[in-house]
């Protein structure tokens, strides 16, 4: 009886030793996921579905940065109508192309930069002098450097909100809409201008010797655009096809 039990255990051990092992699939790498996202996004761009393609390209670039992907991100945002975003990314792509020795990509980027420049809406924020200490600016809810004052800055087409504040002063609020220009050229095309004046609120230290007319008030905001109904058409897809020589991303 004991001999049979021992023999059975030996047989089971032997069977286990020769049984085939189930292969475990290796996890997908960031590079593989990035490639899949890139290829899918390129197909979506070919169909003009930029809204779905752009986030995929952005994620592909985050997972595995490459000059080709960066250029495609810029071209996608251009097709989506985010002109200022595309303009910034195109300049990055051109710089990266120079570093990579890719003259083809650099040429494509610079062609699109030249085409976008006259269409860019630009936001101009001004504050009356003397400027208060502790001045803070928020554009579309995000903090902005005060160096932006008096500097026409590219923004994407659409509605924008500007808030300017300082300790002891009433916050100034401006809302306006910028549109791309297809008829004007130069840096003033499509400009949305936000003018803000500061007045010390009644009862503040700087207002005690002032007359009662020195109440918080704002200068009337003005919004100008070269062509309110104009839209910016994306560049032909023939150009984007050669941008990264799909499916290459590097």
C-alpha atoms as a PDB file:
ATOM      1  CA  UNK A   1       0.000   0.000   0.000  1.00  0.00           C
ATOM      2  CA  UNK A   2       2.786   2.339   0.921  1.00  0.00           C
ATOM      3  CA  UNK A   3       4.685   1.444  -2.241  1.00  0.00           C
ATOM      4  CA  UNK A   4       1.606   2.280  -4.389  1.00  0.00           C
ATOM      5  CA  UNK A   5       1.185   5.674  -2.726  1.00  0.00           C
ATOM      6  CA  UNK A   6       4.849   6.525  -3.258  1.00  0.00           C
ATOM      7  CA  UNK A   7       4.621   5.437  -6.897  1.00  0.00           C
ATOM      8  CA  UNK A   8       1.533   7.626  -7.431  1.00  0.00           C
ATOM      9  CA  UNK A   9       3.253  10.694  -5.955  1.00  0.00           C
ATOM     10  CA  UNK A  10       6.303  10.146  -8.154  1.00  0.00           C
ATOM     11  CA  UNK A  11       4.079   9.887 -11.228  1.00  0.00           C
ATOM     12  CA  UNK A  12       2.331  13.184 -10.390  1.00  0.00           C
ATOM     13  CA  UNK A  13       5.670  14.941  -9.840  1.00  0.00           C
ATOM     14  CA  UNK A  14       6.982  13.647 -13.139  1.00  0.00           C
ATOM     15  CA  UNK A  15       3.865  14.804 -14.997  1.00  0.00           C
ATOM     16  CA  UNK A  16       4.162  18.273 -13.485  1.00  0.00           C
ATOM     17  CA  UNK A  17       7.780  18.520 -14.583  1.00  0.00           C
ATOM     18  CA  UNK A  18       6.986  17.853 -18.251  1.00  0.00           C
ATOM     19  CA  UNK A  19       3.670  19.774 -18.476  1.00  0.00           C
ATOM     20  CA  UNK A  20       3.919  22.773 -20.842  1.00  0.00           C
ATOM     21  CA  UNK A  21       3.860  26.202 -19.193  1.00  0.00           C
ATOM     22  CA  UNK A  22       1.364  28.825 -20.353  1.00  0.00           C
ATOM     23  CA  UNK A  23       3.274  31.800 -21.810  1.00  0.00           C
ATOM     24  CA  UNK A  24       2.635  35.130 -20.085  1.00  0.00           C
ATOM     25  CA  UNK A  25       2.267  38.054 -22.496  1.00  0.00           C
ATOM     26  CA  UNK A  26       4.649  40.924 -21.914  1.00  0.00           C
ATOM     27  CA  UNK A  27       2.933  44.179 -20.921  1.00  0.00           C
ATOM     28  CA  UNK A  28       2.641  46.865 -23.587  1.00  0.00           C
ATOM     29  CA  UNK A  29       5.385  49.447 -23.426  1.00  0.00           C
ATOM     30  CA  UNK A  30       4.812  53.194 -23.620  1.00  0.00           C
ATOM     31  CA  UNK A  31       6.436  53.153 -27.048  1.00  0.00           C
ATOM     32  CA  UNK A  32       3.949  50.561 -28.329  1.00  0.00           C
ATOM     33  CA  UNK A  33       0.964  52.464 -26.951  1.00  0.00           C
ATOM     34  CA  UNK A  34       2.324  55.698 -28.399  1.00  0.00           C
ATOM     35  CA  UNK A  35       2.692  54.094 -31.825  1.00  0.00           C
ATOM     36  CA  UNK A  36      -0.873  52.761 -31.758  1.00  0.00           C
ATOM     37  CA  UNK A  37      -2.225  56.152 -30.716  1.00  0.00           C
ATOM     38  CA  UNK A  38      -0.210  57.844 -33.449  1.00  0.00           C
ATOM     39  CA  UNK A  39      -1.443  55.535 -36.201  1.00  0.00           C
ATOM     40  CA  UNK A  40      -5.071  55.822 -35.095  1.00  0.00           C
ATOM     41  CA  UNK A  41      -4.814  59.604 -34.862  1.00  0.00           C
ATOM     42  CA  UNK A  42      -3.289  59.850 -38.323  1.00  0.00           C
ATOM     43  CA  UNK A  43      -6.232  57.920 -39.752  1.00  0.00           C
ATOM     44  CA  UNK A  44      -8.647  60.260 -37.970  1.00  0.00           C
ATOM     45  CA  UNK A  45      -6.815  63.288 -39.343  1.00  0.00           C
ATOM     46  CA  UNK A  46      -7.156  61.901 -42.859  1.00  0.00           C
ATOM     47  CA  UNK A  47     -10.922  61.889 -42.281  1.00  0.00           C
ATOM     48  CA  UNK A  48     -10.867  65.398 -40.827  1.00  0.00           C
ATOM     49  CA  UNK A  49     -11.791  64.271 -37.305  1.00  0.00           C
ATOM     50  CA  UNK A  50      -9.327  66.539 -35.525  1.00  0.00           C
ATOM     51  CA  UNK A  51     -11.304  66.664 -32.271  1.00  0.00           C
ATOM     52  CA  UNK A  52     -10.625  62.958 -31.686  1.00  0.00           C
ATOM     53  CA  UNK A  53      -7.182  62.859 -33.266  1.00  0.00           C
ATOM     54  CA  UNK A  54      -5.512  65.699 -31.362  1.00  0.00           C
ATOM     55  CA  UNK A  55      -5.831  64.266 -27.816  1.00  0.00           C
ATOM     56  CA  UNK A  56      -4.436  60.959 -29.088  1.00  0.00           C
ATOM     57  CA  UNK A  57      -1.419  62.668 -30.607  1.00  0.00           C
ATOM     58  CA  UNK A  58      -0.841  64.699 -27.446  1.00  0.00           C
ATOM     59  CA  UNK A  59      -0.875  61.511 -25.375  1.00  0.00           C
ATOM     60  CA  UNK A  60       1.402  59.756 -27.881  1.00  0.00           C
ATOM     61  CA  UNK A  61       3.878  62.610 -27.580  1.00  0.00           C
ATOM     62  CA  UNK A  62       3.699  62.448 -23.779  1.00  0.00           C
ATOM     63  CA  UNK A  63       4.384  58.712 -23.719  1.00  0.00           C
ATOM     64  CA  UNK A  64       7.177  58.746 -26.281  1.00  0.00           C
ATOM     65  CA  UNK A  65       8.302  62.227 -27.378  1.00  0.00           C
ATOM     66  CA  UNK A  66       9.415  62.576 -30.970  1.00  0.00           C
ATOM     67  CA  UNK A  67       9.871  65.321 -33.529  1.00  0.00           C
ATOM     68  CA  UNK A  68       7.470  63.710 -35.983  1.00  0.00           C
ATOM     69  CA  UNK A  69       4.711  63.378 -33.411  1.00  0.00           C
ATOM     70  CA  UNK A  70       5.221  66.952 -32.248  1.00  0.00           C
ATOM     71  CA  UNK A  71       4.804  68.223 -35.797  1.00  0.00           C
ATOM     72  CA  UNK A  72       1.637  66.185 -36.224  1.00  0.00           C
ATOM     73  CA  UNK A  73       0.276  67.553 -32.941  1.00  0.00           C
ATOM     74  CA  UNK A  74       0.758  71.075 -34.296  1.00  0.00           C
ATOM     75  CA  UNK A  75      -0.839  70.274 -37.653  1.00  0.00           C
ATOM     76  CA  UNK A  76      -3.773  68.629 -35.905  1.00  0.00           C
ATOM     77  CA  UNK A  77      -4.383  71.668 -33.706  1.00  0.00           C
ATOM     78  CA  UNK A  78      -4.175  73.863 -36.796  1.00  0.00           C
ATOM     79  CA  UNK A  79      -6.837  71.740 -38.463  1.00  0.00           C
ATOM     80  CA  UNK A  80      -8.921  71.951 -35.281  1.00  0.00           C
ATOM     81  CA  UNK A  81      -8.785  75.749 -35.462  1.00  0.00           C
ATOM     82  CA  UNK A  82      -6.567  76.288 -32.402  1.00  0.00           C
ATOM     83  CA  UNK A  83      -4.302  78.651 -34.287  1.00  0.00           C
ATOM     84  CA  UNK A  84      -2.251  80.121 -31.435  1.00  0.00           C
ATOM     85  CA  UNK A  85      -1.679  76.678 -29.932  1.00  0.00           C
ATOM     86  CA  UNK A  86      -0.607  75.348 -33.326  1.00  0.00           C
ATOM     87  CA  UNK A  87       1.642  78.360 -33.928  1.00  0.00           C
ATOM     88  CA  UNK A  88       3.500  77.747 -30.661  1.00  0.00           C
ATOM     89  CA  UNK A  89       3.840  74.022 -31.351  1.00  0.00           C
ATOM     90  CA  UNK A  90       4.996  74.594 -34.927  1.00  0.00           C
ATOM     91  CA  UNK A  91       7.824  76.759 -33.648  1.00  0.00           C
ATOM     92  CA  UNK A  92       8.761  73.993 -31.222  1.00  0.00           C
ATOM     93  CA  UNK A  93       8.614  71.449 -34.044  1.00  0.00           C
ATOM     94  CA  UNK A  94      10.844  73.589 -36.266  1.00  0.00           C
ATOM     95  CA  UNK A  95      13.416  73.901 -33.476  1.00  0.00           C
ATOM     96  CA  UNK A  96      13.315  70.148 -32.864  1.00  0.00           C
ATOM     97  CA  UNK A  97      13.663  69.446 -36.577  1.00  0.00           C
ATOM     98  CA  UNK A  98      16.846  71.527 -36.680  1.00  0.00           C
ATOM     99  CA  UNK A  99      18.240  69.541 -33.744  1.00  0.00           C
ATOM    100  CA  UNK A 100      17.298  66.265 -35.445  1.00  0.00           C
ATOM    101  CA  UNK A 101      18.723  67.334 -38.791  1.00  0.00           C
ATOM    102  CA  UNK A 102      15.314  66.882 -40.462  1.00  0.00           C
ATOM    103  CA  UNK A 103      15.135  69.642 -43.050  1.00  0.00           C
ATOM    104  CA  UNK A 104      11.936  68.178 -44.481  1.00  0.00           C
ATOM    105  CA  UNK A 105      10.098  68.614 -41.200  1.00  0.00           C
ATOM    106  CA  UNK A 106      11.631  72.029 -40.614  1.00  0.00           C
ATOM    107  CA  UNK A 107      10.434  73.195 -44.030  1.00  0.00           C
ATOM    108  CA  UNK A 108       6.879  71.978 -43.392  1.00  0.00           C
ATOM    109  CA  UNK A 109       6.792  73.642 -39.973  1.00  0.00           C
ATOM    110  CA  UNK A 110       8.078  76.974 -41.284  1.00  0.00           C
ATOM    111  CA  UNK A 111       5.623  76.938 -44.187  1.00  0.00           C
ATOM    112  CA  UNK A 112       2.733  76.561 -41.771  1.00  0.00           C
ATOM    113  CA  UNK A 113       4.190  79.185 -39.401  1.00  0.00           C
ATOM    114  CA  UNK A 114       4.310  81.698 -42.257  1.00  0.00           C
ATOM    115  CA  UNK A 115       0.752  80.874 -43.279  1.00  0.00           C
ATOM    116  CA  UNK A 116      -0.605  81.156 -39.722  1.00  0.00           C
ATOM    117  CA  UNK A 117       1.155  84.350 -38.638  1.00  0.00           C
ATOM    118  CA  UNK A 118      -1.169  86.837 -40.411  1.00  0.00           C
ATOM    119  CA  UNK A 119      -4.291  84.960 -39.266  1.00  0.00           C
ATOM    120  CA  UNK A 120      -3.508  84.867 -35.549  1.00  0.00           C
ATOM    121  CA  UNK A 121      -5.924  86.673 -33.224  1.00  0.00           C
ATOM    122  CA  UNK A 122      -3.931  88.627 -30.641  1.00  0.00           C
ATOM    123  CA  UNK A 123      -5.000  89.810 -27.226  1.00  0.00           C
ATOM    124  CA  UNK A 124      -3.773  93.199 -26.000  1.00  0.00           C
ATOM    125  CA  UNK A 125      -4.228  94.014 -22.302  1.00  0.00           C
ATOM    126  CA  UNK A 126      -3.547  97.518 -21.009  1.00  0.00           C
ATOM    127  CA  UNK A 127      -3.704  98.985 -17.510  1.00  0.00           C
ATOM    128  CA  UNK A 128      -3.748 102.719 -16.818  1.00  0.00           C
ATOM    129  CA  UNK A 129      -0.603 104.246 -15.305  1.00  0.00           C
ATOM    130  CA  UNK A 130       0.668 104.258 -12.658  1.00  0.00           C
ATOM    131  CA  UNK A 131       0.314 100.519 -12.337  1.00  0.00           C
ATOM    132  CA  UNK A 132      -0.621  99.331  -8.834  1.00  0.00           C
ATOM    133  CA  UNK A 133       1.712  97.141  -6.811  1.00  0.00           C
ATOM    134  CA  UNK A 134       0.809  93.463  -6.627  1.00  0.00           C
ATOM    135  CA  UNK A 135      -0.839  93.510 -10.043  1.00  0.00           C
ATOM    136  CA  UNK A 136      -2.203  90.094 -11.066  1.00  0.00           C
ATOM    137  CA  UNK A 137      -3.635  89.006 -14.412  1.00  0.00           C
ATOM    138  CA  UNK A 138      -5.728  85.964 -15.234  1.00  0.00           C
ATOM    139  CA  UNK A 139      -6.653  84.996 -18.784  1.00  0.00           C
ATOM    140  CA  UNK A 140      -9.370  82.392 -19.209  1.00  0.00           C
ATOM    141  CA  UNK A 141      -8.976  81.483 -15.546  1.00  0.00           C
ATOM    142  CA  UNK A 142      -5.222  80.839 -15.706  1.00  0.00           C
ATOM    143  CA  UNK A 143      -2.566  83.152 -14.192  1.00  0.00           C
ATOM    144  CA  UNK A 144      -0.654  85.204 -16.756  1.00  0.00           C
ATOM    145  CA  UNK A 145       2.685  86.957 -16.407  1.00  0.00           C
ATOM    146  CA  UNK A 146       2.300  90.730 -16.031  1.00  0.00           C
ATOM    147  CA  UNK A 147       4.879  91.062 -18.811  1.00  0.00           C
ATOM    148  CA  UNK A 148       1.955  90.403 -21.153  1.00  0.00           C
ATOM    149  CA  UNK A 149       0.739  93.982 -20.615  1.00  0.00           C
ATOM    150  CA  UNK A 150       0.916  96.112 -23.787  1.00  0.00           C
ATOM    151  CA  UNK A 151       2.161  93.094 -25.763  1.00  0.00           C
ATOM    152  CA  UNK A 152      -0.159  91.725 -28.486  1.00  0.00           C
ATOM    153  CA  UNK A 153      -0.228  88.026 -27.611  1.00  0.00           C
ATOM    154  CA  UNK A 154      -1.552  85.245 -29.902  1.00  0.00           C
ATOM    155  CA  UNK A 155      -4.670  83.491 -28.618  1.00  0.00           C
ATOM    156  CA  UNK A 156      -6.867  80.779 -30.062  1.00  0.00           C
ATOM    157  CA  UNK A 157     -10.059  81.988 -31.761  1.00  0.00           C
ATOM    158  CA  UNK A 158     -13.100  82.095 -29.515  1.00  0.00           C
ATOM    159  CA  UNK A 159     -14.294  83.723 -26.322  1.00  0.00           C
ATOM    160  CA  UNK A 160     -11.762  84.949 -23.772  1.00  0.00           C
ATOM    161  CA  UNK A 161     -12.020  86.356 -20.266  1.00  0.00           C
ATOM    162  CA  UNK A 162      -9.440  88.702 -18.731  1.00  0.00           C
ATOM    163  CA  UNK A 163      -9.307  89.624 -15.050  1.00  0.00           C
ATOM    164  CA  UNK A 164      -6.894  92.179 -13.647  1.00  0.00           C
ATOM    165  CA  UNK A 165      -6.606  92.708  -9.893  1.00  0.00           C
ATOM    166  CA  UNK A 166      -4.402  94.328  -7.256  1.00  0.00           C
ATOM    167  CA  UNK A 167      -4.596  94.692  -3.465  1.00  0.00           C
ATOM    168  CA  UNK A 168      -6.919  97.539  -2.503  1.00  0.00           C
ATOM    169  CA  UNK A 169      -8.408  97.815  -5.979  1.00  0.00           C
ATOM    170  CA  UNK A 170     -11.561  96.567  -7.588  1.00  0.00           C
ATOM    171  CA  UNK A 171     -10.998  93.624  -9.926  1.00  0.00           C
ATOM    172  CA  UNK A 172     -11.466  94.543 -13.578  1.00  0.00           C
ATOM    173  CA  UNK A 173     -13.267  92.002 -15.746  1.00  0.00           C
ATOM    174  CA  UNK A 174     -13.309  91.877 -19.545  1.00  0.00           C
ATOM    175  CA  UNK A 175     -14.929  89.417 -21.926  1.00  0.00           C
ATOM    176  CA  UNK A 176     -14.548  89.348 -25.663  1.00  0.00           C
ATOM    177  CA  UNK A 177     -14.252  87.105 -28.701  1.00  0.00           C
ATOM    178  CA  UNK A 178     -11.343  86.819 -31.084  1.00  0.00           C
ATOM    179  CA  UNK A 179     -11.619  85.647 -34.656  1.00  0.00           C
ATOM    180  CA  UNK A 180      -8.968  84.779 -37.241  1.00  0.00           C
ATOM    181  CA  UNK A 181      -8.428  87.110 -40.158  1.00  0.00           C
ATOM    182  CA  UNK A 182      -8.195  85.901 -43.730  1.00  0.00           C
ATOM    183  CA  UNK A 183      -8.148  89.331 -45.334  1.00  0.00           C
ATOM    184  CA  UNK A 184      -5.713  91.318 -43.195  1.00  0.00           C
ATOM    185  CA  UNK A 185      -1.998  90.773 -42.798  1.00  0.00           C
ATOM    186  CA  UNK A 186       0.493  91.725 -40.127  1.00  0.00           C
ATOM    187  CA  UNK A 187       0.448  91.410 -36.349  1.00  0.00           C
ATOM    188  CA  UNK A 188      -2.707  93.501 -35.923  1.00  0.00           C
ATOM    189  CA  UNK A 189      -4.938  91.104 -37.855  1.00  0.00           C
ATOM    190  CA  UNK A 190      -7.773  89.690 -35.810  1.00  0.00           C
ATOM    191  CA  UNK A 191      -6.739  91.502 -32.646  1.00  0.00           C
ATOM    192  CA  UNK A 192      -8.997  91.448 -29.614  1.00  0.00           C
ATOM    193  CA  UNK A 193      -8.164  94.409 -27.416  1.00  0.00           C
ATOM    194  CA  UNK A 194      -8.882  94.498 -23.676  1.00  0.00           C
ATOM    195  CA  UNK A 195      -8.413  97.905 -22.088  1.00  0.00           C
ATOM    196  CA  UNK A 196      -8.531  98.075 -18.308  1.00  0.00           C
ATOM    197  CA  UNK A 197      -8.262 101.180 -16.105  1.00  0.00           C
ATOM    198  CA  UNK A 198      -7.745 101.076 -12.347  1.00  0.00           C
ATOM    199  CA  UNK A 199      -9.483 103.397  -9.934  1.00  0.00           C
ATOM    200  CA  UNK A 200      -8.922 103.288  -6.165  1.00  0.00           C
ATOM    201  CA  UNK A 201     -12.147 102.305  -4.355  1.00  0.00           C
ATOM    202  CA  UNK A 202     -13.732 104.936  -2.125  1.00  0.00           C
ATOM    203  CA  UNK A 203     -12.318 104.917   1.399  1.00  0.00           C
ATOM    204  CA  UNK A 204      -8.965 103.404   0.487  1.00  0.00           C
ATOM    205  CA  UNK A 205      -5.782 105.232   1.616  1.00  0.00           C
ATOM    206  CA  UNK A 206      -5.110 106.532  -1.875  1.00  0.00           C
ATOM    207  CA  UNK A 207      -8.634 107.944  -2.142  1.00  0.00           C
ATOM    208  CA  UNK A 208      -9.116 109.814   1.145  1.00  0.00           C
ATOM    209  CA  UNK A 209      -8.135 113.161  -0.316  1.00  0.00           C
ATOM    210  CA  UNK A 210      -9.927 112.559  -3.604  1.00  0.00           C
ATOM    211  CA  UNK A 211     -13.332 113.758  -4.636  1.00  0.00           C
ATOM    212  CA  UNK A 212     -16.378 111.496  -4.529  1.00  0.00           C
ATOM    213  CA  UNK A 213     -16.128 110.845  -8.255  1.00  0.00           C
ATOM    214  CA  UNK A 214     -13.148 108.545  -7.701  1.00  0.00           C
ATOM    215  CA  UNK A 215     -15.286 105.427  -7.390  1.00  0.00           C
ATOM    216  CA  UNK A 216     -14.348 102.045  -8.821  1.00  0.00           C
ATOM    217  CA  UNK A 217     -15.066 102.045 -12.504  1.00  0.00           C
ATOM    218  CA  UNK A 218     -13.720 100.550 -15.677  1.00  0.00           C
ATOM    219  CA  UNK A 219     -12.975 102.009 -19.021  1.00  0.00           C
ATOM    220  CA  UNK A 220     -15.403 100.659 -21.587  1.00  0.00           C
ATOM    221  CA  UNK A 221     -13.887  97.492 -23.019  1.00  0.00           C
ATOM    222  CA  UNK A 222     -13.544  97.267 -26.756  1.00  0.00           C
ATOM    223  CA  UNK A 223     -13.228  94.173 -28.882  1.00  0.00           C
ATOM    224  CA  UNK A 224     -12.046  94.436 -32.452  1.00  0.00           C
ATOM    225  CA  UNK A 225     -11.509  91.785 -35.054  1.00  0.00           C
ATOM    226  CA  UNK A 226     -10.545  92.216 -38.676  1.00  0.00           C
ATOM    227  CA  UNK A 227     -13.152  89.812 -39.977  1.00  0.00           C
ATOM    228  CA  UNK A 228     -15.819  88.756 -37.444  1.00  0.00           C
ATOM    229  CA  UNK A 229     -17.367  86.122 -39.687  1.00  0.00           C
ATOM    230  CA  UNK A 230     -14.190  84.790 -41.242  1.00  0.00           C
ATOM    231  CA  UNK A 231     -12.985  81.297 -40.530  1.00  0.00           C
ATOM    232  CA  UNK A 232      -9.537  79.874 -40.955  1.00  0.00           C
ATOM    233  CA  UNK A 233      -9.323  76.837 -43.235  1.00  0.00           C
ATOM    234  CA  UNK A 234      -6.723  74.197 -42.324  1.00  0.00           C
ATOM    235  CA  UNK A 235      -3.847  73.529 -44.657  1.00  0.00           C
ATOM    236  CA  UNK A 236      -4.348  70.662 -47.151  1.00  0.00           C
ATOM    237  CA  UNK A 237      -3.779  67.179 -45.789  1.00  0.00           C
ATOM    238  CA  UNK A 238      -1.267  66.542 -48.568  1.00  0.00           C
ATOM    239  CA  UNK A 239       1.185  68.576 -46.535  1.00  0.00           C
ATOM    240  CA  UNK A 240       0.473  66.719 -43.313  1.00  0.00           C
ATOM    241  CA  UNK A 241       1.035  63.327 -44.911  1.00  0.00           C
ATOM    242  CA  UNK A 242       4.685  64.125 -45.429  1.00  0.00           C
ATOM    243  CA  UNK A 243       5.067  65.661 -42.003  1.00  0.00           C
ATOM    244  CA  UNK A 244       6.103  62.548 -40.152  1.00  0.00           C
ATOM    245  CA  UNK A 245       6.238  59.983 -42.938  1.00  0.00           C
ATOM    246  CA  UNK A 246       3.644  57.916 -41.084  1.00  0.00           C
ATOM    247  CA  UNK A 247       3.868  55.633 -39.260  1.00  0.00           C
ATOM    248  CA  UNK A 248       7.274  57.012 -38.203  1.00  0.00           C
ATOM    249  CA  UNK A 249       7.095  59.207 -35.105  1.00  0.00           C
ATOM    250  CA  UNK A 250      10.728  59.800 -34.181  1.00  0.00           C
END
